[in-house]
Amino acid sequence: MVLTTISNLGDQKFQVLGMVSGSMVQSKNMFKDIGAGLKGMIGGELRAYTEMMQEARDEATRRMMAQADSLGADAILGVRYATSSIVQGAAEVLVTGTAVRLL
């Protein structure tokens, strides 16, 4: 399946099937928090959190693609990611796009 942030495919004709989305709520891990706290004192990338959020983005993307696949889509256009804090210690990754069938 083609995923793109652009809203068209040049001269390629397509049928819009509808908006699709996927989300994943990821909570912090006590052990990652301890490591992040120590790293926060000295500065630098919090790799455990970077990896955790990448896993959440990947899962949200898989869920969006599954929804698009169920509609018979060949591609998802205008893909956008957003992240928000849900409760203390948990964040949501949301991905949205427009499912299309190539003609």
PDB file of N, CA and C in Angstrom:
ATOM      1  N   MET A   1       0.852  -1.175   0.000  1.00  0.00           N
ATOM      2  CA  MET A   1       0.000   0.000   0.000  1.00  0.00           C
ATOM      3  C   MET A   1       0.896   1.235   0.000  1.00  0.00           C
ATOM      4  N   VAL A   2       0.525   2.219  -0.813  1.00  0.00           N
ATOM      5  CA  VAL A   2       1.263   3.472  -0.901  1.00  0.00           C
ATOM      6  C   VAL A   2       0.774   4.422   0.192  1.00  0.00           C
ATOM      7  N   LEU A   3       1.704   4.967   0.959  1.00  0.00           N
ATOM      8  CA  LEU A   3       1.394   5.992   1.954  1.00  0.00           C
ATOM      9  C   LEU A   3       2.151   7.242   1.554  1.00  0.00           C
ATOM     10  N   THR A   4       1.464   8.373   1.516  1.00  0.00           N
ATOM     11  CA  THR A   4       2.136   9.608   1.157  1.00  0.00           C
ATOM     12  C   THR A   4       1.508  10.791   1.870  1.00  0.00           C
ATOM     13  N   THR A   5       2.318  11.814   2.103  1.00  0.00           N
ATOM     14  CA  THR A   5       1.818  13.026   2.740  1.00  0.00           C
ATOM     15  C   THR A   5       1.192  13.984   1.734  1.00  0.00           C
ATOM     16  N   ILE A   6       1.420  13.752   0.447  1.00  0.00           N
ATOM     17  CA  ILE A   6       0.831  14.635  -0.567  1.00  0.00           C
ATOM     18  C   ILE A   6      -0.628  14.264  -0.792  1.00  0.00           C
ATOM     19  N   SER A   7      -1.394  15.196  -1.364  1.00  0.00           N
ATOM     20  CA  SER A   7      -2.829  14.962  -1.518  1.00  0.00           C
ATOM     21  C   SER A   7      -3.230  14.521  -2.921  1.00  0.00           C
ATOM     22  N   ASN A   8      -2.256  14.312  -3.784  1.00  0.00           N
ATOM     23  CA  ASN A   8      -2.576  13.792  -5.122  1.00  0.00           C
ATOM     24  C   ASN A   8      -1.413  12.949  -5.626  1.00  0.00           C
ATOM     25  N   LEU A   9      -1.636  12.291  -6.730  1.00  0.00           N
ATOM     26  CA  LEU A   9      -0.609  11.428  -7.313  1.00  0.00           C
ATOM     27  C   LEU A   9      -0.297  11.854  -8.743  1.00  0.00           C
ATOM     28  N   GLY A  10      -0.165  13.143  -8.948  1.00  0.00           N
ATOM     29  CA  GLY A  10       0.122  13.652 -10.283  1.00  0.00           C
ATOM     30  C   GLY A  10      -1.048  13.402 -11.217  1.00  0.00           C
ATOM     31  N   ASP A  11      -0.783  12.747 -12.340  1.00  0.00           N
ATOM     32  CA  ASP A  11      -1.818  12.449 -13.325  1.00  0.00           C
ATOM     33  C   ASP A  11      -2.607  11.184 -12.994  1.00  0.00           C
ATOM     34  N   GLN A  12      -2.199  10.470 -11.968  1.00  0.00           N
ATOM     35  CA  GLN A  12      -2.878   9.219 -11.595  1.00  0.00           C
ATOM     36  C   GLN A  12      -4.288   9.526 -11.101  1.00  0.00           C
ATOM     37  N   LYS A  13      -5.279   8.893 -11.712  1.00  0.00           N
ATOM     38  CA  LYS A  13      -6.677   9.058 -11.287  1.00  0.00           C
ATOM     39  C   LYS A  13      -6.950   8.103 -10.131  1.00  0.00           C
ATOM     40  N   PHE A  14      -7.838   8.533  -9.228  1.00  0.00           N
ATOM     41  CA  PHE A  14      -8.183   7.684  -8.093  1.00  0.00           C
ATOM     42  C   PHE A  14      -9.592   7.993  -7.620  1.00  0.00           C
ATOM     43  N   GLN A  15     -10.161   7.023  -6.913  1.00  0.00           N
ATOM     44  CA  GLN A  15     -11.484   7.164  -6.298  1.00  0.00           C
ATOM     45  C   GLN A  15     -11.274   7.306  -4.795  1.00  0.00           C
ATOM     46  N   VAL A  16     -11.849   8.349  -4.215  1.00  0.00           N
ATOM     47  CA  VAL A  16     -11.737   8.559  -2.767  1.00  0.00           C
ATOM     48  C   VAL A  16     -12.692   7.603  -2.054  1.00  0.00           C
ATOM     49  N   LEU A  17     -12.159   6.845  -1.099  1.00  0.00           N
ATOM     50  CA  LEU A  17     -12.963   5.889  -0.340  1.00  0.00           C
ATOM     51  C   LEU A  17     -13.353   6.429   1.029  1.00  0.00           C
ATOM     52  N   GLY A  18     -12.625   7.414   1.522  1.00  0.00           N
ATOM     53  CA  GLY A  18     -12.949   8.010   2.810  1.00  0.00           C
ATOM     54  C   GLY A  18     -11.735   8.180   3.700  1.00  0.00           C
ATOM     55  N   MET A  19     -11.966   8.868   4.803  1.00  0.00           N
ATOM     56  CA  MET A  19     -10.906   9.095   5.777  1.00  0.00           C
ATOM     57  C   MET A  19     -10.655   7.821   6.578  1.00  0.00           C
ATOM     58  N   VAL A  20      -9.397   7.568   6.846  1.00  0.00           N
ATOM     59  CA  VAL A  20      -9.011   6.428   7.684  1.00  0.00           C
ATOM     60  C   VAL A  20      -8.084   6.946   8.782  1.00  0.00           C
ATOM     61  N   SER A  21      -8.064   6.220   9.882  1.00  0.00           N
ATOM     62  CA  SER A  21      -7.206   6.633  10.993  1.00  0.00           C
ATOM     63  C   SER A  21      -6.766   5.412  11.793  1.00  0.00           C
ATOM     64  N   GLY A  22      -5.747   5.633  12.565  1.00  0.00           N
ATOM     65  CA  GLY A  22      -5.274   4.620  13.496  1.00  0.00           C
ATOM     66  C   GLY A  22      -4.706   5.335  14.707  1.00  0.00           C
ATOM     67  N   SER A  23      -4.841   4.734  15.864  1.00  0.00           N
ATOM     68  CA  SER A  23      -4.274   5.366  17.057  1.00  0.00           C
ATOM     69  C   SER A  23      -3.686   4.307  17.978  1.00  0.00           C
ATOM     70  N   MET A  24      -2.821   4.788  18.826  1.00  0.00           N
ATOM     71  CA  MET A  24      -2.179   3.933  19.814  1.00  0.00           C
ATOM     72  C   MET A  24      -1.898   4.788  21.035  1.00  0.00           C
ATOM     73  N   VAL A  25      -2.359   4.339  22.192  1.00  0.00           N
ATOM     74  CA  VAL A  25      -2.057   5.026  23.442  1.00  0.00           C
ATOM     75  C   VAL A  25      -0.932   4.243  24.104  1.00  0.00           C
ATOM     76  N   GLN A  26       0.152   4.932  24.377  1.00  0.00           N
ATOM     77  CA  GLN A  26       1.343   4.301  24.937  1.00  0.00           C
ATOM     78  C   GLN A  26       1.606   4.881  26.310  1.00  0.00           C
ATOM     79  N   SER A  27       1.801   4.012  27.278  1.00  0.00           N
ATOM     80  CA  SER A  27       2.119   4.496  28.622  1.00  0.00           C
ATOM     81  C   SER A  27       3.603   4.346  28.889  1.00  0.00           C
ATOM     82  N   LYS A  28       4.065   5.118  29.844  1.00  0.00           N
ATOM     83  CA  LYS A  28       5.468   5.043  30.232  1.00  0.00           C
ATOM     84  C   LYS A  28       5.720   3.754  30.999  1.00  0.00           C
ATOM     85  N   ASN A  29       6.963   3.383  31.042  1.00  0.00           N
ATOM     86  CA  ASN A  29       7.412   2.208  31.763  1.00  0.00           C
ATOM     87  C   ASN A  29       8.263   2.683  32.933  1.00  0.00           C
ATOM     88  N   MET A  30       8.022   2.123  34.104  1.00  0.00           N
ATOM     89  CA  MET A  30       8.735   2.552  35.308  1.00  0.00           C
ATOM     90  C   MET A  30      10.256   2.511  35.114  1.00  0.00           C
ATOM     91  N   PHE A  31      10.763   1.465  34.477  1.00  0.00           N
ATOM     92  CA  PHE A  31      12.209   1.332  34.299  1.00  0.00           C
ATOM     93  C   PHE A  31      12.728   2.365  33.300  1.00  0.00           C
ATOM     94  N   LYS A  32      11.932   2.639  32.256  1.00  0.00           N
ATOM     95  CA  LYS A  32      12.333   3.673  31.298  1.00  0.00           C
ATOM     96  C   LYS A  32      12.312   5.039  31.968  1.00  0.00           C
ATOM     97  N   ASP A  33      11.360   5.254  32.887  1.00  0.00           N
ATOM     98  CA  ASP A  33      11.276   6.530  33.600  1.00  0.00           C
ATOM     99  C   ASP A  33      12.531   6.781  34.427  1.00  0.00           C
ATOM    100  N   ILE A  34      13.021   5.758  35.082  1.00  0.00           N
ATOM    101  CA  ILE A  34      14.228   5.907  35.909  1.00  0.00           C
ATOM    102  C   ILE A  34      15.412   6.283  35.023  1.00  0.00           C
ATOM    103  N   GLY A  35      15.572   5.551  33.921  1.00  0.00           N
ATOM    104  CA  GLY A  35      16.666   5.847  32.988  1.00  0.00           C
ATOM    105  C   GLY A  35      16.527   7.223  32.370  1.00  0.00           C
ATOM    106  N   ALA A  36      15.290   7.605  32.021  1.00  0.00           N
ATOM    107  CA  ALA A  36      15.056   8.914  31.418  1.00  0.00           C
ATOM    108  C   ALA A  36      15.346  10.025  32.423  1.00  0.00           C
ATOM    109  N   GLY A  37      14.989   9.794  33.678  1.00  0.00           N
ATOM    110  CA  GLY A  37      15.272  10.798  34.705  1.00  0.00           C
ATOM    111  C   GLY A  37      16.760  11.036  34.864  1.00  0.00           C
ATOM    112  N   LEU A  38      17.539   9.968  34.859  1.00  0.00           N
ATOM    113  CA  LEU A  38      18.999  10.096  34.960  1.00  0.00           C
ATOM    114  C   LEU A  38      19.559  10.785  33.725  1.00  0.00           C
ATOM    115  N   LYS A  39      19.056  10.399  32.547  1.00  0.00           N
ATOM    116  CA  LYS A  39      19.527  10.999  31.306  1.00  0.00           C
ATOM    117  C   LYS A  39      19.133  12.474  31.244  1.00  0.00           C
ATOM    118  N   GLY A  40      17.957  12.787  31.781  1.00  0.00           N
ATOM    119  CA  GLY A  40      17.494  14.166  31.789  1.00  0.00           C
ATOM    120  C   GLY A  40      18.410  15.094  32.577  1.00  0.00           C
ATOM    121  N   MET A  41      19.092  14.542  33.567  1.00  0.00           N
ATOM    122  CA  MET A  41      20.012  15.349  34.379  1.00  0.00           C
ATOM    123  C   MET A  41      21.255  15.752  33.599  1.00  0.00           C
ATOM    124  N   ILE A  42      21.707  14.872  32.715  1.00  0.00           N
ATOM    125  CA  ILE A  42      22.938  15.150  31.982  1.00  0.00           C
ATOM    126  C   ILE A  42      22.677  15.607  30.551  1.00  0.00           C
ATOM    127  N   GLY A  43      21.447  15.484  30.076  1.00  0.00           N
ATOM    128  CA  GLY A  43      21.101  15.927  28.726  1.00  0.00           C
ATOM    129  C   GLY A  43      21.298  14.832  27.697  1.00  0.00           C
ATOM    130  N   GLY A  44      20.718  15.041  26.540  1.00  0.00           N
ATOM    131  CA  GLY A  44      20.850  14.089  25.456  1.00  0.00           C
ATOM    132  C   GLY A  44      19.529  13.430  25.122  1.00  0.00           C
ATOM    133  N   GLU A  45      19.566  12.618  24.105  1.00  0.00           N
ATOM    134  CA  GLU A  45      18.351  11.937  23.625  1.00  0.00           C
ATOM    135  C   GLU A  45      17.891  10.884  24.623  1.00  0.00           C
ATOM    136  N   LEU A  46      16.587  10.821  24.825  1.00  0.00           N
ATOM    137  CA  LEU A  46      15.994   9.789  25.668  1.00  0.00           C
ATOM    138  C   LEU A  46      15.610   8.631  24.749  1.00  0.00           C
ATOM    139  N   ARG A  47      16.581   7.792  24.433  1.00  0.00           N
ATOM    140  CA  ARG A  47      16.396   6.749  23.416  1.00  0.00           C
ATOM    141  C   ARG A  47      15.251   5.785  23.736  1.00  0.00           C
ATOM    142  N   ALA A  48      15.060   5.459  24.996  1.00  0.00           N
ATOM    143  CA  ALA A  48      13.985   4.539  25.360  1.00  0.00           C
ATOM    144  C   ALA A  48      12.633   5.129  24.971  1.00  0.00           C
ATOM    145  N   TYR A  49      12.470   6.451  25.179  1.00  0.00           N
ATOM    146  CA  TYR A  49      11.215   7.104  24.802  1.00  0.00           C
ATOM    147  C   TYR A  49      11.105   7.259  23.291  1.00  0.00           C
ATOM    148  N   THR A  50      12.208   7.539  22.635  1.00  0.00           N
ATOM    149  CA  THR A  50      12.198   7.631  21.174  1.00  0.00           C
ATOM    150  C   THR A  50      11.737   6.311  20.578  1.00  0.00           C
ATOM    151  N   GLU A  51      12.291   5.212  21.062  1.00  0.00           N
ATOM    152  CA  GLU A  51      11.901   3.882  20.576  1.00  0.00           C
ATOM    153  C   GLU A  51      10.445   3.576  20.907  1.00  0.00           C
ATOM    154  N   MET A  52      10.012   3.945  22.107  1.00  0.00           N
ATOM    155  CA  MET A  52       8.636   3.695  22.527  1.00  0.00           C
ATOM    156  C   MET A  52       7.659   4.434  21.616  1.00  0.00           C
ATOM    157  N   MET A  53       7.944   5.688  21.304  1.00  0.00           N
ATOM    158  CA  MET A  53       7.051   6.463  20.449  1.00  0.00           C
ATOM    159  C   MET A  53       7.103   5.969  19.009  1.00  0.00           C
ATOM    160  N   GLN A  54       8.255   5.494  18.546  1.00  0.00           N
ATOM    161  CA  GLN A  54       8.330   4.928  17.197  1.00  0.00           C
ATOM    162  C   GLN A  54       7.475   3.671  17.100  1.00  0.00           C
ATOM    163  N   GLU A  55       7.510   2.846  18.132  1.00  0.00           N
ATOM    164  CA  GLU A  55       6.665   1.647  18.160  1.00  0.00           C
ATOM    165  C   GLU A  55       5.188   2.034  18.132  1.00  0.00           C
ATOM    166  N   ALA A  56       4.825   3.084  18.867  1.00  0.00           N
ATOM    167  CA  ALA A  56       3.438   3.547  18.876  1.00  0.00           C
ATOM    168  C   ALA A  56       3.035   4.074  17.503  1.00  0.00           C
ATOM    169  N   ARG A  57       3.924   4.834  16.833  1.00  0.00           N
ATOM    170  CA  ARG A  57       3.630   5.319  15.471  1.00  0.00           C
ATOM    171  C   ARG A  57       3.460   4.160  14.505  1.00  0.00           C
ATOM    172  N   ASP A  58       4.338   3.169  14.613  1.00  0.00           N
ATOM    173  CA  ASP A  58       4.252   2.001  13.722  1.00  0.00           C
ATOM    174  C   ASP A  58       2.931   1.263  13.912  1.00  0.00           C
ATOM    175  N   GLU A  59       2.509   1.073  15.154  1.00  0.00           N
ATOM    176  CA  GLU A  59       1.254   0.365  15.418  1.00  0.00           C
ATOM    177  C   GLU A  59       0.054   1.181  14.942  1.00  0.00           C
ATOM    178  N   ALA A  60       0.063   2.484  15.184  1.00  0.00           N
ATOM    179  CA  ALA A  60      -1.027   3.338  14.704  1.00  0.00           C
ATOM    180  C   ALA A  60      -1.106   3.275  13.182  1.00  0.00           C
ATOM    181  N   THR A  61       0.043   3.274  12.518  1.00  0.00           N
ATOM    182  CA  THR A  61       0.079   3.184  11.050  1.00  0.00           C
ATOM    183  C   THR A  61      -0.482   1.850  10.582  1.00  0.00           C
ATOM    184  N   ARG A  62      -0.104   0.756  11.238  1.00  0.00           N
ATOM    185  CA  ARG A  62      -0.638  -0.569  10.879  1.00  0.00           C
ATOM    186  C   ARG A  62      -2.159  -0.586  11.003  1.00  0.00           C
ATOM    187  N   ARG A  63      -2.685   0.024  12.058  1.00  0.00           N
ATOM    188  CA  ARG A  63      -4.137   0.062  12.261  1.00  0.00           C
ATOM    189  C   ARG A  63      -4.830   0.883  11.177  1.00  0.00           C
ATOM    190  N   MET A  64      -4.229   2.010  10.792  1.00  0.00           N
ATOM    191  CA  MET A  64      -4.800   2.817   9.724  1.00  0.00           C
ATOM    192  C   MET A  64      -4.784   2.044   8.403  1.00  0.00           C
ATOM    193  N   MET A  65      -3.679   1.376   8.115  1.00  0.00           N
ATOM    194  CA  MET A  65      -3.570   0.605   6.874  1.00  0.00           C
ATOM    195  C   MET A  65      -4.584  -0.529   6.842  1.00  0.00           C
ATOM    196  N   ALA A  66      -4.827  -1.175   7.972  1.00  0.00           N
ATOM    197  CA  ALA A  66      -5.818  -2.250   8.034  1.00  0.00           C
ATOM    198  C   ALA A  66      -7.210  -1.702   7.728  1.00  0.00           C
ATOM    199  N   GLN A  67      -7.512  -0.520   8.256  1.00  0.00           N
ATOM    200  CA  GLN A  67      -8.801   0.100   7.985  1.00  0.00           C
ATOM    201  C   GLN A  67      -8.921   0.428   6.494  1.00  0.00           C
ATOM    202  N   ALA A  68      -7.865   0.972   5.902  1.00  0.00           N
ATOM    203  CA  ALA A  68      -7.875   1.294   4.470  1.00  0.00           C
ATOM    204  C   ALA A  68      -8.002   0.030   3.630  1.00  0.00           C
ATOM    205  N   ASP A  69      -7.305  -1.014   4.033  1.00  0.00           N
ATOM    206  CA  ASP A  69      -7.364  -2.292   3.316  1.00  0.00           C
ATOM    207  C   ASP A  69      -8.784  -2.852   3.322  1.00  0.00           C
ATOM    208  N   SER A  70      -9.485  -2.704   4.430  1.00  0.00           N
ATOM    209  CA  SER A  70     -10.862  -3.203   4.527  1.00  0.00           C
ATOM    210  C   SER A  70     -11.805  -2.452   3.581  1.00  0.00           C
ATOM    211  N   LEU A  71     -11.411  -1.240   3.169  1.00  0.00           N
ATOM    212  CA  LEU A  71     -12.192  -0.463   2.209  1.00  0.00           C
ATOM    213  C   LEU A  71     -11.794  -0.763   0.761  1.00  0.00           C
ATOM    214  N   GLY A  72     -10.745  -1.565   0.590  1.00  0.00           N
ATOM    215  CA  GLY A  72     -10.260  -1.875  -0.747  1.00  0.00           C
ATOM    216  C   GLY A  72      -9.311  -0.835  -1.305  1.00  0.00           C
ATOM    217  N   ALA A  73      -8.647  -0.095  -0.441  1.00  0.00           N
ATOM    218  CA  ALA A  73      -7.753   0.983  -0.864  1.00  0.00           C
ATOM    219  C   ALA A  73      -6.426   0.451  -1.399  1.00  0.00           C
ATOM    220  N   ASP A  74      -5.867   1.210  -2.342  1.00  0.00           N
ATOM    221  CA  ASP A  74      -4.524   0.950  -2.861  1.00  0.00           C
ATOM    222  C   ASP A  74      -3.503   1.904  -2.257  1.00  0.00           C
ATOM    223  N   ALA A  75      -3.989   3.038  -1.749  1.00  0.00           N
ATOM    224  CA  ALA A  75      -3.095   4.072  -1.233  1.00  0.00           C
ATOM    225  C   ALA A  75      -3.808   4.894  -0.174  1.00  0.00           C
ATOM    226  N   ILE A  76      -3.000   5.581   0.626  1.00  0.00           N
ATOM    227  CA  ILE A  76      -3.526   6.543   1.604  1.00  0.00           C
ATOM    228  C   ILE A  76      -2.798   7.850   1.347  1.00  0.00           C
ATOM    229  N   LEU A  77      -3.572   8.880   1.025  1.00  0.00           N
ATOM    230  CA  LEU A  77      -3.014  10.189   0.718  1.00  0.00           C
ATOM    231  C   LEU A  77      -3.175  11.128   1.911  1.00  0.00           C
ATOM    232  N   GLY A  78      -2.328  12.158   1.960  1.00  0.00           N
ATOM    233  CA  GLY A  78      -2.434  13.179   2.991  1.00  0.00           C
ATOM    234  C   GLY A  78      -2.212  12.653   4.396  1.00  0.00           C
ATOM    235  N   VAL A  79      -1.284  11.726   4.552  1.00  0.00           N
ATOM    236  CA  VAL A  79      -1.027  11.115   5.864  1.00  0.00           C
ATOM    237  C   VAL A  79      -0.444  12.152   6.824  1.00  0.00           C
ATOM    238  N   ARG A  80      -1.037  12.234   8.013  1.00  0.00           N
ATOM    239  CA  ARG A  80      -0.597  13.182   9.042  1.00  0.00           C
ATOM    240  C   ARG A  80      -0.580  12.480  10.402  1.00  0.00           C
ATOM    241  N   TYR A  81       0.438  12.798  11.187  1.00  0.00           N
ATOM    242  CA  TYR A  81       0.565  12.263  12.544  1.00  0.00           C
ATOM    243  C   TYR A  81       0.351  13.370  13.565  1.00  0.00           C
ATOM    244  N   ALA A  82      -0.240  13.006  14.684  1.00  0.00           N
ATOM    245  CA  ALA A  82      -0.397  13.932  15.809  1.00  0.00           C
ATOM    246  C   ALA A  82      -0.158  13.141  17.087  1.00  0.00           C
ATOM    247  N   THR A  83       0.376  13.820  18.069  1.00  0.00           N
ATOM    248  CA  THR A  83       0.622  13.211  19.373  1.00  0.00           C
ATOM    249  C   THR A  83       0.019  14.107  20.444  1.00  0.00           C
ATOM    250  N   SER A  84      -0.613  13.490  21.418  1.00  0.00           N
ATOM    251  CA  SER A  84      -1.178  14.274  22.512  1.00  0.00           C
ATOM    252  C   SER A  84      -1.059  13.491  23.808  1.00  0.00           C
ATOM    253  N   SER A  85      -1.018  14.231  24.890  1.00  0.00           N
ATOM    254  CA  SER A  85      -0.979  13.629  26.213  1.00  0.00           C
ATOM    255  C   SER A  85      -2.406  13.288  26.621  1.00  0.00           C
ATOM    256  N   ILE A  86      -2.630  12.066  27.055  1.00  0.00           N
ATOM    257  CA  ILE A  86      -3.965  11.617  27.454  1.00  0.00           C
ATOM    258  C   ILE A  86      -4.149  11.808  28.964  1.00  0.00           C
ATOM    259  N   VAL A  87      -3.297  11.183  29.706  1.00  0.00           N
ATOM    260  CA  VAL A  87      -3.243  11.341  31.165  1.00  0.00           C
ATOM    261  C   VAL A  87      -1.768  11.405  31.514  1.00  0.00           C
ATOM    262  N   GLN A  88      -1.476  11.739  32.751  1.00  0.00           N
ATOM    263  CA  GLN A  88      -0.075  11.786  33.149  1.00  0.00           C
ATOM    264  C   GLN A  88       0.555  10.418  32.915  1.00  0.00           C
ATOM    265  N   GLY A  89       1.614  10.398  32.151  1.00  0.00           N
ATOM    266  CA  GLY A  89       2.326   9.150  31.905  1.00  0.00           C
ATOM    267  C   GLY A  89       1.864   8.380  30.685  1.00  0.00           C
ATOM    268  N   ALA A  90       0.932   8.934  29.883  1.00  0.00           N
ATOM    269  CA  ALA A  90       0.483   8.234  28.684  1.00  0.00           C
ATOM    270  C   ALA A  90       0.262   9.235  27.552  1.00  0.00           C
ATOM    271  N   ALA A  91       0.625   8.825  26.345  1.00  0.00           N
ATOM    272  CA  ALA A  91       0.468   9.676  25.169  1.00  0.00           C
ATOM    273  C   ALA A  91      -0.225   8.878  24.073  1.00  0.00           C
ATOM    274  N   GLU A  92      -0.989   9.598  23.251  1.00  0.00           N
ATOM    275  CA  GLU A  92      -1.644   8.975  22.107  1.00  0.00           C
ATOM    276  C   GLU A  92      -0.950   9.429  20.836  1.00  0.00           C
ATOM    277  N   VAL A  93      -0.729   8.489  19.945  1.00  0.00           N
ATOM    278  CA  VAL A  93      -0.277   8.790  18.591  1.00  0.00           C
ATOM    279  C   VAL A  93      -1.472   8.527  17.692  1.00  0.00           C
ATOM    280  N   LEU A  94      -1.840   9.526  16.900  1.00  0.00           N
ATOM    281  CA  LEU A  94      -2.961   9.414  15.970  1.00  0.00           C
ATOM    282  C   LEU A  94      -2.433   9.673  14.571  1.00  0.00           C
ATOM    283  N   VAL A  95      -2.819   8.823  13.627  1.00  0.00           N
ATOM    284  CA  VAL A  95      -2.452   9.014  12.231  1.00  0.00           C
ATOM    285  C   VAL A  95      -3.736   8.995  11.403  1.00  0.00           C
ATOM    286  N   THR A  96      -3.843   9.931  10.470  1.00  0.00           N
ATOM    287  CA  THR A  96      -5.023  10.020   9.622  1.00  0.00           C
ATOM    288  C   THR A  96      -4.593  10.181   8.170  1.00  0.00           C
ATOM    289  N   GLY A  97      -5.504   9.852   7.274  1.00  0.00           N
ATOM    290  CA  GLY A  97      -5.259  10.023   5.852  1.00  0.00           C
ATOM    291  C   GLY A  97      -6.535   9.740   5.075  1.00  0.00           C
ATOM    292  N   THR A  98      -6.444   9.869   3.770  1.00  0.00           N
ATOM    293  CA  THR A  98      -7.568   9.614   2.881  1.00  0.00           C
ATOM    294  C   THR A  98      -7.284   8.341   2.086  1.00  0.00           C
ATOM    295  N   ALA A  99      -8.133   7.349   2.256  1.00  0.00           N
ATOM    296  CA  ALA A  99      -7.994   6.078   1.546  1.00  0.00           C
ATOM    297  C   ALA A  99      -8.503   6.266   0.118  1.00  0.00           C
ATOM    298  N   VAL A 100      -7.724   5.786  -0.861  1.00  0.00           N
ATOM    299  CA  VAL A 100      -8.113   5.893  -2.262  1.00  0.00           C
ATOM    300  C   VAL A 100      -7.884   4.574  -2.987  1.00  0.00           C
ATOM    301  N   ARG A 101      -8.661   4.388  -4.053  1.00  0.00           N
ATOM    302  CA  ARG A 101      -8.482   3.254  -4.959  1.00  0.00           C
ATOM    303  C   ARG A 101      -7.962   3.826  -6.269  1.00  0.00           C
ATOM    304  N   LEU A 102      -6.828   3.324  -6.732  1.00  0.00           N
ATOM    305  CA  LEU A 102      -6.254   3.801  -7.979  1.00  0.00           C
ATOM    306  C   LEU A 102      -7.074   3.313  -9.159  1.00  0.00           C
ATOM    307  N   LEU A 103      -7.255   4.175 -10.149  1.00  0.00           N
ATOM    308  CA  LEU A 103      -8.038   3.820 -11.332  1.00  0.00           C
ATOM    309  C   LEU A 103      -7.126   3.624 -12.540  1.00  0.00           C
TER     310      LEU A 103
END
